[in-house]
């Protein structure tokens, strides 16, 4: 492959060619490189291993989802307990105001 073939990106037929930002172009190349590296490594592994690894990944994510959902539920319970306590504090008379209170000092 020549250098021109490697650096050219396929362009949609209907769109006018855009001049890509060098950083965006770099990121796109890195994404493609990572994708191809993943495919290369996956091709070296036995199919059963790949299938079990994908299933393990699903179970791992499902476990964290349960953990996150439980955390959210517990935080909502705590928030519901705190809200009535805050509302009951509003019912108390103010400690400062226009009225004077006589205090006896011994």
C-alpha atoms as a PDB file:
ATOM      1  CA  UNK A   1       0.000   0.000   0.000  1.00  0.00           C
ATOM      2  CA  UNK A   2       1.173   3.478  -0.737  1.00  0.00           C
ATOM      3  CA  UNK A   3       1.100   6.271   1.833  1.00  0.00           C
ATOM      4  CA  UNK A   4      -1.838   7.920   0.021  1.00  0.00           C
ATOM      5  CA  UNK A   5      -3.976   4.783   0.292  1.00  0.00           C
ATOM      6  CA  UNK A   6      -3.366   4.498   4.037  1.00  0.00           C
ATOM      7  CA  UNK A   7      -4.161   8.122   4.918  1.00  0.00           C
ATOM      8  CA  UNK A   8      -7.291   8.542   2.783  1.00  0.00           C
ATOM      9  CA  UNK A   9     -10.582   8.036   4.583  1.00  0.00           C
ATOM     10  CA  UNK A  10     -13.675   6.840   2.712  1.00  0.00           C
ATOM     11  CA  UNK A  11     -16.064   9.721   2.061  1.00  0.00           C
ATOM     12  CA  UNK A  12     -19.832   9.536   1.623  1.00  0.00           C
ATOM     13  CA  UNK A  13     -20.893  10.197  -1.971  1.00  0.00           C
ATOM     14  CA  UNK A  14     -23.475  12.887  -1.202  1.00  0.00           C
ATOM     15  CA  UNK A  15     -21.386  15.021   1.134  1.00  0.00           C
ATOM     16  CA  UNK A  16     -18.787  17.553   0.133  1.00  0.00           C
ATOM     17  CA  UNK A  17     -15.289  16.581   1.286  1.00  0.00           C
ATOM     18  CA  UNK A  18     -14.494  18.048   4.697  1.00  0.00           C
ATOM     19  CA  UNK A  19     -11.051  18.951   5.898  1.00  0.00           C
ATOM     20  CA  UNK A  20     -10.644  16.910   9.078  1.00  0.00           C
ATOM     21  CA  UNK A  21      -9.148  18.384  12.187  1.00  0.00           C
ATOM     22  CA  UNK A  22      -5.746  16.696  12.708  1.00  0.00           C
ATOM     23  CA  UNK A  23      -6.646  15.744  16.277  1.00  0.00           C
ATOM     24  CA  UNK A  24      -9.972  14.218  15.183  1.00  0.00           C
ATOM     25  CA  UNK A  25      -8.198  12.339  12.410  1.00  0.00           C
ATOM     26  CA  UNK A  26      -5.620  11.043  14.908  1.00  0.00           C
ATOM     27  CA  UNK A  27      -8.362   9.888  17.289  1.00  0.00           C
ATOM     28  CA  UNK A  28     -10.192   8.123  14.461  1.00  0.00           C
ATOM     29  CA  UNK A  29      -7.009   6.269  13.467  1.00  0.00           C
ATOM     30  CA  UNK A  30      -6.420   5.257  17.089  1.00  0.00           C
ATOM     31  CA  UNK A  31      -9.985   3.931  17.382  1.00  0.00           C
ATOM     32  CA  UNK A  32      -9.507   1.847  14.251  1.00  0.00           C
ATOM     33  CA  UNK A  33      -6.135   0.587  15.476  1.00  0.00           C
ATOM     34  CA  UNK A  34      -7.616  -0.463  18.813  1.00  0.00           C
ATOM     35  CA  UNK A  35     -10.516  -2.196  17.072  1.00  0.00           C
ATOM     36  CA  UNK A  36      -8.191  -4.108  14.761  1.00  0.00           C
ATOM     37  CA  UNK A  37      -5.885  -5.021  17.655  1.00  0.00           C
ATOM     38  CA  UNK A  38      -8.858  -6.425  19.536  1.00  0.00           C
ATOM     39  CA  UNK A  39      -9.880  -8.470  16.503  1.00  0.00           C
ATOM     40  CA  UNK A  40      -6.314  -9.765  16.107  1.00  0.00           C
ATOM     41  CA  UNK A  41      -6.107 -10.875  19.730  1.00  0.00           C
ATOM     42  CA  UNK A  42      -9.585 -12.417  19.578  1.00  0.00           C
ATOM     43  CA  UNK A  43      -8.601 -14.436  16.499  1.00  0.00           C
ATOM     44  CA  UNK A  44      -5.763 -16.023  18.503  1.00  0.00           C
ATOM     45  CA  UNK A  45      -8.110 -17.238  21.235  1.00  0.00           C
ATOM     46  CA  UNK A  46     -10.221 -20.394  21.028  1.00  0.00           C
ATOM     47  CA  UNK A  47     -13.913 -19.766  20.229  1.00  0.00           C
ATOM     48  CA  UNK A  48     -15.084 -21.334  23.516  1.00  0.00           C
ATOM     49  CA  UNK A  49     -12.821 -18.998  25.475  1.00  0.00           C
ATOM     50  CA  UNK A  50     -14.213 -15.968  23.632  1.00  0.00           C
ATOM     51  CA  UNK A  51     -17.792 -17.098  24.283  1.00  0.00           C
ATOM     52  CA  UNK A  52     -17.144 -17.661  27.989  1.00  0.00           C
ATOM     53  CA  UNK A  53     -15.265 -14.372  28.313  1.00  0.00           C
ATOM     54  CA  UNK A  54     -18.198 -12.476  26.792  1.00  0.00           C
ATOM     55  CA  UNK A  55     -20.611 -14.241  29.143  1.00  0.00           C
ATOM     56  CA  UNK A  56     -18.360 -13.436  32.100  1.00  0.00           C
ATOM     57  CA  UNK A  57     -18.327  -9.785  31.036  1.00  0.00           C
ATOM     58  CA  UNK A  58     -22.148  -9.740  30.928  1.00  0.00           C
ATOM     59  CA  UNK A  59     -22.351 -11.276  34.421  1.00  0.00           C
ATOM     60  CA  UNK A  60     -19.768  -8.824  35.755  1.00  0.00           C
ATOM     61  CA  UNK A  61     -21.779  -5.875  34.445  1.00  0.00           C
ATOM     62  CA  UNK A  62     -25.034  -7.361  35.749  1.00  0.00           C
ATOM     63  CA  UNK A  63     -23.467  -7.662  39.206  1.00  0.00           C
ATOM     64  CA  UNK A  64     -22.456  -4.001  39.203  1.00  0.00           C
ATOM     65  CA  UNK A  65     -25.933  -3.027  38.007  1.00  0.00           C
ATOM     66  CA  UNK A  66     -27.453  -4.826  41.006  1.00  0.00           C
ATOM     67  CA  UNK A  67     -24.951  -3.109  43.295  1.00  0.00           C
ATOM     68  CA  UNK A  68     -25.709   0.331  41.832  1.00  0.00           C
ATOM     69  CA  UNK A  69     -29.489  -0.217  41.990  1.00  0.00           C
ATOM     70  CA  UNK A  70     -29.239  -1.296  45.633  1.00  0.00           C
ATOM     71  CA  UNK A  71     -27.141   1.753  46.457  1.00  0.00           C
ATOM     72  CA  UNK A  72     -29.699   4.038  44.795  1.00  0.00           C
ATOM     73  CA  UNK A  73     -32.586   2.377  46.656  1.00  0.00           C
ATOM     74  CA  UNK A  74     -30.816   2.742  50.009  1.00  0.00           C
ATOM     75  CA  UNK A  75     -29.995   6.399  49.327  1.00  0.00           C
ATOM     76  CA  UNK A  76     -33.658   7.052  48.477  1.00  0.00           C
ATOM     77  CA  UNK A  77     -34.713   5.439  51.779  1.00  0.00           C
ATOM     78  CA  UNK A  78     -32.293   7.670  53.690  1.00  0.00           C
ATOM     79  CA  UNK A  79     -33.522  10.739  51.806  1.00  0.00           C
ATOM     80  CA  UNK A  80     -37.139   9.909  52.720  1.00  0.00           C
ATOM     81  CA  UNK A  81     -36.177   9.632  56.400  1.00  0.00           C
ATOM     82  CA  UNK A  82     -34.313  12.950  56.339  1.00  0.00           C
ATOM     83  CA  UNK A  83     -37.082  14.924  54.591  1.00  0.00           C
ATOM     84  CA  UNK A  84     -39.667  14.591  57.426  1.00  0.00           C
ATOM     85  CA  UNK A  85     -37.025  15.550  59.988  1.00  0.00           C
ATOM     86  CA  UNK A  86     -36.247  18.716  58.029  1.00  0.00           C
ATOM     87  CA  UNK A  87     -39.942  19.584  57.778  1.00  0.00           C
ATOM     88  CA  UNK A  88     -40.487  19.108  61.527  1.00  0.00           C
ATOM     89  CA  UNK A  89     -37.631  21.541  62.228  1.00  0.00           C
ATOM     90  CA  UNK A  90     -39.580  24.231  60.367  1.00  0.00           C
ATOM     91  CA  UNK A  91     -42.525  23.919  62.807  1.00  0.00           C
ATOM     92  CA  UNK A  92     -40.484  24.998  65.823  1.00  0.00           C
ATOM     93  CA  UNK A  93     -40.689  28.631  66.918  1.00  0.00           C
ATOM     94  CA  UNK A  94     -37.862  30.873  65.914  1.00  0.00           C
ATOM     95  CA  UNK A  95     -35.223  31.515  68.565  1.00  0.00           C
ATOM     96  CA  UNK A  96     -34.870  35.111  67.521  1.00  0.00           C
ATOM     97  CA  UNK A  97     -37.596  37.612  66.918  1.00  0.00           C
ATOM     98  CA  UNK A  98     -39.276  40.827  68.069  1.00  0.00           C
ATOM     99  CA  UNK A  99     -40.528  39.534  71.420  1.00  0.00           C
ATOM    100  CA  UNK A 100     -38.425  39.906  74.546  1.00  0.00           C
ATOM    101  CA  UNK A 101     -38.150  37.237  77.175  1.00  0.00           C
ATOM    102  CA  UNK A 102     -37.252  38.055  80.787  1.00  0.00           C
ATOM    103  CA  UNK A 103     -34.695  35.730  82.283  1.00  0.00           C
ATOM    104  CA  UNK A 104     -34.076  35.531  86.014  1.00  0.00           C
ATOM    105  CA  UNK A 105     -30.437  35.355  86.944  1.00  0.00           C
ATOM    106  CA  UNK A 106     -29.479  34.214  90.430  1.00  0.00           C
END
